[in-house]
Amino acid sequence: MNILITGASGTLGQDVLKACQSRGHAVIGTDRQTLDITQRGQIEDALDHHAPDLLINTAAYNFVDKVEDPAVYPLAEAINVHGPRNLARAAADRGIPFIHYSTDYVFAGDNPRGYREDADPCPINAYGRTKAMGENAVEQAGGQWYILRLSKIFGTPGLTDASKPSFVHLMMKLSNELSELKIIDEEVGCPSYTKDIAHATFSLIEQGNVPGVYHVVNEGLGVTWYGFAKEIFEVAGVTTPFIPVPSEVFPPRPASRPKFAALLNTKLPPLRPRREALREFLLTETIQV
């Protein structure tokens, strides 16, 4: 296949591009400098020029707290809503399958049992609202669309200033700098490895799965940030003391967070266990362990 990927220099985009190449597909990787997804004309020109068989959007604005700022919100809306709409419509017009990634933040986080793919979105912060609107825009565009919801991804940091270090990187860094760590024991989610997400993306298409919404997460029970840090330190052999604390210990953040937002995968084969993925990531990354 000939595949065009937007946001290819980001954390997820890099691994999607590598997975595409490793599976023998031709790939065109773009970033905001080479393809601005908020500009419909640029998308039309790119699709007509490259004639891809598949379009994948990994671009997103995910600085959760900044989106609460009225001055920043229009940018997040442009990237998370108008961009996916532009891509989905252009793909539908040309009969090209379209894959778009979303987030567990589209849910309120009030269900301790977790959320199935058919659960109704009900975001509680501005970022989540833009992602939910982006999902709706993709669906409304019609065509052959796939929405893949992710949770607390970790992977190699992207190549741009818009890419953030993963929680894994942050924990390893702080464990080397502090004598004791205080880690929030809230916000249950399903941390997942971008490399595994990338390969699952192509398996989804190659195996002929029907269009729709999918949850793509590594196998394992939902965990809080403290619970995930415990897994990281156990796998890495870190001995720095760390304790669980409520979020109130830290200064308040502008955006509310879902308390229970584990994504339940009921439609795809499970990805490998999270600890196995984490072990590979820690061994292959340049993180001091």
C-alpha atoms as a PDB file:
ATOM      1  CA  MET A   1       0.000   0.000   0.000  1.00  0.00           C
ATOM      2  CA  ASN A   2       0.914   3.629  -0.458  1.00  0.00           C
ATOM      3  CA  ILE A   3       0.216   5.379   2.869  1.00  0.00           C
ATOM      4  CA  LEU A   4       0.193   9.046   3.857  1.00  0.00           C
ATOM      5  CA  ILE A   5       0.729   9.849   7.541  1.00  0.00           C
ATOM      6  CA  THR A   6       0.141  13.256   9.120  1.00  0.00           C
ATOM      7  CA  GLY A   7       1.990  14.224  12.300  1.00  0.00           C
ATOM      8  CA  ALA A   8       4.740  11.741  11.420  1.00  0.00           C
ATOM      9  CA  SER A   9       7.386  13.466  13.571  1.00  0.00           C
ATOM     10  CA  GLY A  10       5.386  13.092  16.797  1.00  0.00           C
ATOM     11  CA  THR A  11       5.627  10.378  19.442  1.00  0.00           C
ATOM     12  CA  LEU A  12       2.936   8.197  17.887  1.00  0.00           C
ATOM     13  CA  GLY A  13       3.575   9.292  14.319  1.00  0.00           C
ATOM     14  CA  GLN A  14       7.199   8.126  14.372  1.00  0.00           C
ATOM     15  CA  ASP A  15       6.223   4.605  15.353  1.00  0.00           C
ATOM     16  CA  VAL A  16       3.348   4.475  12.881  1.00  0.00           C
ATOM     17  CA  LEU A  17       5.786   5.486  10.131  1.00  0.00           C
ATOM     18  CA  LYS A  18       8.337   2.847  11.224  1.00  0.00           C
ATOM     19  CA  ALA A  19       5.668   0.146  11.416  1.00  0.00           C
ATOM     20  CA  CYS A  20       4.493   1.072   7.945  1.00  0.00           C
ATOM     21  CA  GLN A  21       8.003   0.727   6.548  1.00  0.00           C
ATOM     22  CA  SER A  22       8.752  -2.515   8.396  1.00  0.00           C
ATOM     23  CA  ARG A  23       5.615  -4.091   6.943  1.00  0.00           C
ATOM     24  CA  GLY A  24       6.728  -3.296   3.391  1.00  0.00           C
ATOM     25  CA  HIS A  25       4.417  -0.376   2.635  1.00  0.00           C
ATOM     26  CA  ALA A  26       5.404   2.796   0.826  1.00  0.00           C
ATOM     27  CA  VAL A  27       4.972   5.807   3.104  1.00  0.00           C
ATOM     28  CA  ILE A  28       4.760   9.580   2.883  1.00  0.00           C
ATOM     29  CA  GLY A  29       5.331  11.141   6.296  1.00  0.00           C
ATOM     30  CA  THR A  30       4.236  14.742   6.793  1.00  0.00           C
ATOM     31  CA  ASP A  31       4.358  17.257   9.634  1.00  0.00           C
ATOM     32  CA  ARG A  32       2.786  20.680  10.076  1.00  0.00           C
ATOM     33  CA  GLN A  33       5.509  22.328   8.019  1.00  0.00           C
ATOM     34  CA  THR A  34       4.837  20.093   5.001  1.00  0.00           C
ATOM     35  CA  LEU A  35       1.070  19.604   5.424  1.00  0.00           C
ATOM     36  CA  ASP A  36      -1.153  21.815   7.580  1.00  0.00           C
ATOM     37  CA  ILE A  37      -4.253  19.715   8.238  1.00  0.00           C
ATOM     38  CA  THR A  38      -6.251  22.810   9.160  1.00  0.00           C
ATOM     39  CA  GLN A  39      -6.010  23.895   5.494  1.00  0.00           C
ATOM     40  CA  ARG A  40      -8.401  21.878   3.307  1.00  0.00           C
ATOM     41  CA  GLY A  41      -6.674  23.006   0.107  1.00  0.00           C
ATOM     42  CA  GLN A  42      -3.309  21.633   1.228  1.00  0.00           C
ATOM     43  CA  ILE A  43      -4.910  18.290   2.016  1.00  0.00           C
ATOM     44  CA  GLU A  44      -6.660  18.119  -1.354  1.00  0.00           C
ATOM     45  CA  ASP A  45      -3.385  18.873  -3.153  1.00  0.00           C
ATOM     46  CA  ALA A  46      -1.432  16.301  -1.116  1.00  0.00           C
ATOM     47  CA  LEU A  47      -3.939  13.515  -1.712  1.00  0.00           C
ATOM     48  CA  ASP A  48      -4.172  14.259  -5.413  1.00  0.00           C
ATOM     49  CA  HIS A  49      -0.370  14.395  -5.737  1.00  0.00           C
ATOM     50  CA  HIS A  50       0.523  11.287  -3.689  1.00  0.00           C
ATOM     51  CA  ALA A  51      -2.651   9.242  -4.389  1.00  0.00           C
ATOM     52  CA  PRO A  52      -2.386   7.205  -1.156  1.00  0.00           C
ATOM     53  CA  ASP A  53      -4.305   3.975  -0.570  1.00  0.00           C
ATOM     54  CA  LEU A  54      -4.657   4.841   3.125  1.00  0.00           C
ATOM     55  CA  LEU A  55      -4.629   8.105   5.098  1.00  0.00           C
ATOM     56  CA  ILE A  56      -3.574   8.106   8.777  1.00  0.00           C
ATOM     57  CA  ASN A  57      -3.835  11.122  11.074  1.00  0.00           C
ATOM     58  CA  THR A  58      -1.570  11.116  14.127  1.00  0.00           C
ATOM     59  CA  ALA A  59      -1.530  14.912  14.503  1.00  0.00           C
ATOM     60  CA  ALA A  60      -3.137  16.352  17.646  1.00  0.00           C
ATOM     61  CA  TYR A  61      -2.902  19.206  20.123  1.00  0.00           C
ATOM     62  CA  ASN A  62      -2.648  17.486  23.510  1.00  0.00           C
ATOM     63  CA  PHE A  63      -1.435  20.062  26.030  1.00  0.00           C
ATOM     64  CA  VAL A  64      -4.480  19.392  28.185  1.00  0.00           C
ATOM     65  CA  ASP A  65      -4.217  22.297  30.614  1.00  0.00           C
ATOM     66  CA  LYS A  66      -3.357  24.876  27.946  1.00  0.00           C
ATOM     67  CA  VAL A  67      -6.565  24.117  26.049  1.00  0.00           C
ATOM     68  CA  GLU A  68      -8.515  25.620  28.969  1.00  0.00           C
ATOM     69  CA  ASP A  69      -7.015  29.009  28.041  1.00  0.00           C
ATOM     70  CA  PRO A  70      -9.461  30.874  25.734  1.00  0.00           C
ATOM     71  CA  ALA A  71      -6.472  32.208  23.818  1.00  0.00           C
ATOM     72  CA  VAL A  72      -5.192  28.700  23.074  1.00  0.00           C
ATOM     73  CA  TYR A  73      -8.496  26.901  22.559  1.00  0.00           C
ATOM     74  CA  PRO A  74      -8.938  28.008  18.896  1.00  0.00           C
ATOM     75  CA  LEU A  75      -5.626  26.375  18.003  1.00  0.00           C
ATOM     76  CA  ALA A  76      -6.603  23.113  19.717  1.00  0.00           C
ATOM     77  CA  GLU A  77      -9.994  23.206  17.998  1.00  0.00           C
ATOM     78  CA  ALA A  78      -8.366  23.796  14.627  1.00  0.00           C
ATOM     79  CA  ILE A  79      -6.006  20.829  15.014  1.00  0.00           C
ATOM     80  CA  ASN A  80      -8.317  18.418  16.888  1.00  0.00           C
ATOM     81  CA  VAL A  81     -11.628  19.187  15.161  1.00  0.00           C
ATOM     82  CA  HIS A  82     -11.237  21.022  11.862  1.00  0.00           C
ATOM     83  CA  GLY A  83      -8.130  19.050  10.872  1.00  0.00           C
ATOM     84  CA  PRO A  84      -9.727  15.598  11.228  1.00  0.00           C
ATOM     85  CA  ARG A  85     -12.866  16.889   9.488  1.00  0.00           C
ATOM     86  CA  ASN A  86     -10.811  18.142   6.541  1.00  0.00           C
ATOM     87  CA  LEU A  87      -8.898  14.874   6.278  1.00  0.00           C
ATOM     88  CA  ALA A  88     -11.964  12.671   6.642  1.00  0.00           C
ATOM     89  CA  ARG A  89     -13.957  14.569   4.018  1.00  0.00           C
ATOM     90  CA  ALA A  90     -11.097  14.593   1.532  1.00  0.00           C
ATOM     91  CA  ALA A  91     -10.521  10.865   2.076  1.00  0.00           C
ATOM     92  CA  ALA A  92     -14.225  10.067   1.744  1.00  0.00           C
ATOM     93  CA  ASP A  93     -14.457  12.051  -1.494  1.00  0.00           C
ATOM     94  CA  ARG A  94     -11.656   9.925  -2.960  1.00  0.00           C
ATOM     95  CA  GLY A  95     -12.685   6.565  -1.522  1.00  0.00           C
ATOM     96  CA  ILE A  96      -9.579   6.370   0.683  1.00  0.00           C
ATOM     97  CA  PRO A  97      -9.806   4.629   4.100  1.00  0.00           C
ATOM     98  CA  PHE A  98      -9.033   7.066   6.928  1.00  0.00           C
ATOM     99  CA  ILE A  99      -7.618   6.310  10.387  1.00  0.00           C
ATOM    100  CA  HIS A 100      -7.848   8.865  13.194  1.00  0.00           C
ATOM    101  CA  TYR A 101      -6.614   8.559  16.786  1.00  0.00           C
ATOM    102  CA  SER A 102      -8.587   9.748  19.783  1.00  0.00           C
ATOM    103  CA  THR A 103      -8.338   9.489  23.565  1.00  0.00           C
ATOM    104  CA  ASP A 104      -9.853   8.213  26.793  1.00  0.00           C
ATOM    105  CA  TYR A 105     -10.383  11.888  27.695  1.00  0.00           C
ATOM    106  CA  VAL A 106     -13.590  11.874  25.647  1.00  0.00           C
ATOM    107  CA  PHE A 107     -15.163  10.141  28.667  1.00  0.00           C
ATOM    108  CA  ALA A 108     -16.256  11.638  31.994  1.00  0.00           C
ATOM    109  CA  GLY A 109     -14.261   9.090  33.966  1.00  0.00           C
ATOM    110  CA  ASP A 110     -17.109   8.203  36.326  1.00  0.00           C
ATOM    111  CA  ASN A 111     -17.288   4.494  35.470  1.00  0.00           C
ATOM    112  CA  PRO A 112     -14.944   2.331  37.586  1.00  0.00           C
ATOM    113  CA  ARG A 113     -15.679  -0.634  35.292  1.00  0.00           C
ATOM    114  CA  GLY A 114     -14.204   1.179  32.293  1.00  0.00           C
ATOM    115  CA  TYR A 115     -15.579   2.158  28.896  1.00  0.00           C
ATOM    116  CA  ARG A 116     -16.475   0.008  25.908  1.00  0.00           C
ATOM    117  CA  GLU A 117     -16.150   1.243  22.350  1.00  0.00           C
ATOM    118  CA  ASP A 118     -19.886   1.997  22.145  1.00  0.00           C
ATOM    119  CA  ALA A 119     -20.000   4.142  25.304  1.00  0.00           C
ATOM    120  CA  ASP A 120     -21.248   7.694  24.804  1.00  0.00           C
ATOM    121  CA  PRO A 121     -18.531  10.371  25.057  1.00  0.00           C
ATOM    122  CA  CYS A 122     -19.024  12.920  27.831  1.00  0.00           C
ATOM    123  CA  PRO A 123     -15.798  14.927  28.241  1.00  0.00           C
ATOM    124  CA  ILE A 124     -15.148  17.037  31.331  1.00  0.00           C
ATOM    125  CA  ASN A 125     -12.424  19.336  30.002  1.00  0.00           C
ATOM    126  CA  ALA A 126     -11.830  21.468  26.926  1.00  0.00           C
ATOM    127  CA  TYR A 127      -9.243  19.124  25.433  1.00  0.00           C
ATOM    128  CA  GLY A 128     -11.635  16.192  25.738  1.00  0.00           C
ATOM    129  CA  ARG A 129     -14.369  18.227  24.095  1.00  0.00           C
ATOM    130  CA  THR A 130     -12.178  18.989  21.088  1.00  0.00           C
ATOM    131  CA  LYS A 131     -11.320  15.316  20.711  1.00  0.00           C
ATOM    132  CA  ALA A 132     -14.968  14.267  21.026  1.00  0.00           C
ATOM    133  CA  MET A 133     -15.933  16.848  18.411  1.00  0.00           C
ATOM    134  CA  GLY A 134     -13.144  15.544  16.216  1.00  0.00           C
ATOM    135  CA  GLU A 135     -14.561  12.026  16.480  1.00  0.00           C
ATOM    136  CA  ASN A 136     -17.988  13.300  15.527  1.00  0.00           C
ATOM    137  CA  ALA A 137     -16.571  15.234  12.577  1.00  0.00           C
ATOM    138  CA  VAL A 138     -14.881  12.099  11.252  1.00  0.00           C
ATOM    139  CA  GLU A 139     -18.068  10.068  11.586  1.00  0.00           C
ATOM    140  CA  GLN A 140     -20.156  12.752   9.898  1.00  0.00           C
ATOM    141  CA  ALA A 141     -17.758  12.891   6.948  1.00  0.00           C
ATOM    142  CA  GLY A 142     -18.760   9.374   5.984  1.00  0.00           C
ATOM    143  CA  GLY A 143     -16.542   7.094   3.953  1.00  0.00           C
ATOM    144  CA  GLN A 144     -14.421   4.287   5.376  1.00  0.00           C
ATOM    145  CA  TRP A 145     -13.250   5.725   8.703  1.00  0.00           C
ATOM    146  CA  TYR A 146     -11.603   4.166  11.744  1.00  0.00           C
ATOM    147  CA  ILE A 147     -11.336   5.931  15.120  1.00  0.00           C
ATOM    148  CA  LEU A 148      -8.746   4.396  17.439  1.00  0.00           C
ATOM    149  CA  ARG A 149      -8.955   5.550  21.059  1.00  0.00           C
ATOM    150  CA  LEU A 150      -5.735   5.442  23.076  1.00  0.00           C
ATOM    151  CA  SER A 151      -4.798   5.910  26.729  1.00  0.00           C
ATOM    152  CA  LYS A 152      -1.693   7.423  28.339  1.00  0.00           C
ATOM    153  CA  ILE A 153       0.710   6.482  25.575  1.00  0.00           C
ATOM    154  CA  PHE A 154       4.446   6.048  26.091  1.00  0.00           C
ATOM    155  CA  GLY A 155       7.102   5.916  23.394  1.00  0.00           C
ATOM    156  CA  THR A 156      10.124   7.713  21.988  1.00  0.00           C
ATOM    157  CA  PRO A 157       9.575  11.490  22.261  1.00  0.00           C
ATOM    158  CA  GLY A 158       8.702  13.239  19.026  1.00  0.00           C
ATOM    159  CA  LEU A 159      11.065  15.452  17.085  1.00  0.00           C
ATOM    160  CA  THR A 160       9.176  18.728  17.564  1.00  0.00           C
ATOM    161  CA  ASP A 161       8.600  21.124  20.447  1.00  0.00           C
ATOM    162  CA  ALA A 162       4.959  20.030  20.442  1.00  0.00           C
ATOM    163  CA  SER A 163       5.972  16.526  21.609  1.00  0.00           C
ATOM    164  CA  LYS A 164       6.025  15.819  25.332  1.00  0.00           C
ATOM    165  CA  PRO A 165       8.214  13.303  27.186  1.00  0.00           C
ATOM    166  CA  SER A 166       6.259  10.270  28.286  1.00  0.00           C
ATOM    167  CA  PHE A 167       5.359   9.512  31.895  1.00  0.00           C
ATOM    168  CA  VAL A 168       7.957   6.746  31.759  1.00  0.00           C
ATOM    169  CA  HIS A 169      10.695   9.228  30.877  1.00  0.00           C
ATOM    170  CA  LEU A 170       9.515  11.618  33.579  1.00  0.00           C
ATOM    171  CA  MET A 171       9.506   8.951  36.292  1.00  0.00           C
ATOM    172  CA  MET A 172      12.944   7.675  35.373  1.00  0.00           C
ATOM    173  CA  LYS A 173      14.306  11.233  35.354  1.00  0.00           C
ATOM    174  CA  LEU A 174      12.788  12.146  38.725  1.00  0.00           C
ATOM    175  CA  SER A 175      13.902   8.879  40.307  1.00  0.00           C
ATOM    176  CA  ASN A 176      17.486   9.922  39.561  1.00  0.00           C
ATOM    177  CA  GLU A 177      17.040  13.483  40.825  1.00  0.00           C
ATOM    178  CA  LEU A 178      14.910  13.159  43.980  1.00  0.00           C
ATOM    179  CA  SER A 179      15.358  11.261  47.231  1.00  0.00           C
ATOM    180  CA  GLU A 180      11.629  10.466  47.353  1.00  0.00           C
ATOM    181  CA  LEU A 181       8.805  10.779  44.840  1.00  0.00           C
ATOM    182  CA  LYS A 182       5.195  11.735  45.533  1.00  0.00           C
ATOM    183  CA  ILE A 183       2.977  10.315  42.800  1.00  0.00           C
ATOM    184  CA  ILE A 184      -0.737  10.939  42.302  1.00  0.00           C
ATOM    185  CA  ASP A 185      -2.733   7.799  43.059  1.00  0.00           C
ATOM    186  CA  GLU A 186      -5.668   8.810  40.843  1.00  0.00           C
ATOM    187  CA  GLU A 187      -6.778   8.870  37.186  1.00  0.00           C
ATOM    188  CA  VAL A 188      -7.155   5.205  36.256  1.00  0.00           C
ATOM    189  CA  GLY A 189      -6.193   4.488  32.669  1.00  0.00           C
ATOM    190  CA  CYS A 190      -4.500   1.916  30.432  1.00  0.00           C
ATOM    191  CA  PRO A 191      -0.949   3.055  29.575  1.00  0.00           C
ATOM    192  CA  SER A 192       0.067   1.717  26.163  1.00  0.00           C
ATOM    193  CA  TYR A 193       3.190   1.521  24.005  1.00  0.00           C
ATOM    194  CA  THR A 194       3.149   3.469  20.746  1.00  0.00           C
ATOM    195  CA  LYS A 195       5.090   0.751  18.928  1.00  0.00           C
ATOM    196  CA  ASP A 196       2.377  -1.790  19.729  1.00  0.00           C
ATOM    197  CA  ILE A 197      -0.374   0.686  18.809  1.00  0.00           C
ATOM    198  CA  ALA A 198       1.315   1.299  15.462  1.00  0.00           C
ATOM    199  CA  HIS A 199       1.483  -2.372  14.511  1.00  0.00           C
ATOM    200  CA  ALA A 200      -2.084  -2.936  15.720  1.00  0.00           C
ATOM    201  CA  THR A 201      -3.155  -0.124  13.408  1.00  0.00           C
ATOM    202  CA  PHE A 202      -1.894  -1.956  10.354  1.00  0.00           C
ATOM    203  CA  SER A 203      -3.189  -5.315  11.541  1.00  0.00           C
ATOM    204  CA  LEU A 204      -6.616  -3.684  11.787  1.00  0.00           C
ATOM    205  CA  ILE A 205      -6.523  -2.799   8.080  1.00  0.00           C
ATOM    206  CA  GLU A 206      -4.676  -5.874   6.826  1.00  0.00           C
ATOM    207  CA  GLN A 207      -7.140  -8.218   8.532  1.00  0.00           C
ATOM    208  CA  GLY A 208     -10.124  -6.471   7.008  1.00  0.00           C
ATOM    209  CA  ASN A 209     -11.794  -5.161  10.171  1.00  0.00           C
ATOM    210  CA  VAL A 210     -14.919  -3.162   9.491  1.00  0.00           C
ATOM    211  CA  PRO A 211     -14.806   0.630   9.910  1.00  0.00           C
ATOM    212  CA  GLY A 212     -15.810   2.027  13.298  1.00  0.00           C
ATOM    213  CA  VAL A 213     -14.499   2.875  16.760  1.00  0.00           C
ATOM    214  CA  TYR A 214     -11.802   0.718  18.362  1.00  0.00           C
ATOM    215  CA  HIS A 215      -9.947   0.812  21.674  1.00  0.00           C
ATOM    216  CA  VAL A 216      -6.252   0.008  21.293  1.00  0.00           C
ATOM    217  CA  VAL A 217      -4.468  -0.586  24.603  1.00  0.00           C
ATOM    218  CA  ASN A 218      -1.901  -2.979  26.012  1.00  0.00           C
ATOM    219  CA  GLU A 219      -3.311  -5.862  28.016  1.00  0.00           C
ATOM    220  CA  GLY A 220      -3.499  -5.184  31.746  1.00  0.00           C
ATOM    221  CA  LEU A 221      -5.825  -3.827  34.380  1.00  0.00           C
ATOM    222  CA  GLY A 222      -6.361  -0.093  34.550  1.00  0.00           C
ATOM    223  CA  VAL A 223      -3.902   1.669  36.848  1.00  0.00           C
ATOM    224  CA  THR A 224      -3.475   5.067  38.473  1.00  0.00           C
ATOM    225  CA  TRP A 225      -0.361   7.129  37.834  1.00  0.00           C
ATOM    226  CA  TYR A 226       1.066   5.703  41.071  1.00  0.00           C
ATOM    227  CA  GLY A 227       0.213   2.179  39.959  1.00  0.00           C
ATOM    228  CA  PHE A 228       1.917   2.699  36.622  1.00  0.00           C
ATOM    229  CA  ALA A 229       4.986   4.209  38.305  1.00  0.00           C
ATOM    230  CA  LYS A 230       5.172   1.102  40.492  1.00  0.00           C
ATOM    231  CA  GLU A 231       5.243  -1.074  37.365  1.00  0.00           C
ATOM    232  CA  ILE A 232       7.919   1.133  35.783  1.00  0.00           C
ATOM    233  CA  PHE A 233      10.178   1.007  38.818  1.00  0.00           C
ATOM    234  CA  GLU A 234       9.728  -2.741  39.307  1.00  0.00           C
ATOM    235  CA  VAL A 235      10.635  -3.466  35.691  1.00  0.00           C
ATOM    236  CA  ALA A 236      13.559  -0.994  35.713  1.00  0.00           C
ATOM    237  CA  GLY A 237      14.881  -2.010  39.124  1.00  0.00           C
ATOM    238  CA  VAL A 238      14.580   1.509  40.548  1.00  0.00           C
ATOM    239  CA  THR A 239      14.952   1.670  44.341  1.00  0.00           C
ATOM    240  CA  THR A 240      14.141   5.349  44.937  1.00  0.00           C
ATOM    241  CA  PRO A 241      11.336   5.547  47.546  1.00  0.00           C
ATOM    242  CA  PHE A 242       7.943   6.695  46.244  1.00  0.00           C
ATOM    243  CA  ILE A 243       4.594   7.196  47.921  1.00  0.00           C
ATOM    244  CA  PRO A 244       0.989   7.578  46.704  1.00  0.00           C
ATOM    245  CA  VAL A 245      -0.669  10.953  47.262  1.00  0.00           C
ATOM    246  CA  PRO A 246      -3.983  12.593  46.306  1.00  0.00           C
ATOM    247  CA  SER A 247      -3.982  15.240  43.593  1.00  0.00           C
ATOM    248  CA  GLU A 248      -4.677  17.924  46.242  1.00  0.00           C
ATOM    249  CA  VAL A 249      -1.030  17.660  47.332  1.00  0.00           C
ATOM    250  CA  PHE A 250      -0.010  19.504  44.160  1.00  0.00           C
ATOM    251  CA  PRO A 251      -1.127  22.923  42.880  1.00  0.00           C
ATOM    252  CA  PRO A 252      -4.504  22.708  41.111  1.00  0.00           C
ATOM    253  CA  ARG A 253      -4.417  22.211  37.354  1.00  0.00           C
ATOM    254  CA  PRO A 254      -6.689  24.180  34.994  1.00  0.00           C
ATOM    255  CA  ALA A 255      -8.242  21.063  33.414  1.00  0.00           C
ATOM    256  CA  SER A 256     -10.260  18.420  35.241  1.00  0.00           C
ATOM    257  CA  ARG A 257      -9.125  14.835  34.682  1.00  0.00           C
ATOM    258  CA  PRO A 258     -11.278  11.698  34.289  1.00  0.00           C
ATOM    259  CA  LYS A 259     -10.980   9.648  37.491  1.00  0.00           C
ATOM    260  CA  PHE A 260     -11.809   6.267  35.937  1.00  0.00           C
ATOM    261  CA  ALA A 261     -11.241   6.094  32.184  1.00  0.00           C
ATOM    262  CA  ALA A 262      -9.918   2.604  31.482  1.00  0.00           C
ATOM    263  CA  LEU A 263     -10.593   1.653  27.862  1.00  0.00           C
ATOM    264  CA  LEU A 264     -12.127  -1.795  27.420  1.00  0.00           C
ATOM    265  CA  ASN A 265     -11.073  -3.535  24.227  1.00  0.00           C
ATOM    266  CA  THR A 266     -13.947  -5.771  23.104  1.00  0.00           C
ATOM    267  CA  LYS A 267     -13.358  -5.762  19.338  1.00  0.00           C
ATOM    268  CA  LEU A 268      -9.687  -6.530  18.665  1.00  0.00           C
ATOM    269  CA  PRO A 269      -7.192  -9.183  19.763  1.00  0.00           C
ATOM    270  CA  PRO A 270      -5.467  -7.874  22.906  1.00  0.00           C
ATOM    271  CA  LEU A 271      -2.072  -6.265  22.572  1.00  0.00           C
ATOM    272  CA  ARG A 272       0.750  -7.891  24.528  1.00  0.00           C
ATOM    273  CA  PRO A 273       0.816  -7.364  28.307  1.00  0.00           C
ATOM    274  CA  ARG A 274       1.770  -3.869  29.408  1.00  0.00           C
ATOM    275  CA  ARG A 275       4.720  -5.021  31.528  1.00  0.00           C
ATOM    276  CA  GLU A 276       6.204  -6.874  28.564  1.00  0.00           C
ATOM    277  CA  ALA A 277       5.871  -3.786  26.387  1.00  0.00           C
ATOM    278  CA  LEU A 278       7.297  -1.615  29.154  1.00  0.00           C
ATOM    279  CA  ARG A 279      10.295  -3.921  29.556  1.00  0.00           C
ATOM    280  CA  GLU A 280      11.115  -3.680  25.851  1.00  0.00           C
ATOM    281  CA  PHE A 281      10.698   0.079  25.877  1.00  0.00           C
ATOM    282  CA  LEU A 282      13.030   0.538  28.847  1.00  0.00           C
ATOM    283  CA  LEU A 283      15.655  -1.708  27.249  1.00  0.00           C
ATOM    284  CA  THR A 284      15.580  -0.004  23.860  1.00  0.00           C
ATOM    285  CA  GLU A 285      15.204   3.626  24.962  1.00  0.00           C
ATOM    286  CA  THR A 286      18.136   5.756  26.061  1.00  0.00           C
ATOM    287  CA  ILE A 287      16.750   6.027  29.593  1.00  0.00           C
ATOM    288  CA  GLN A 288      19.078   5.483  32.517  1.00  0.00           C
ATOM    289  CA  VAL A 289      17.705   2.481  34.415  1.00  0.00           C
END
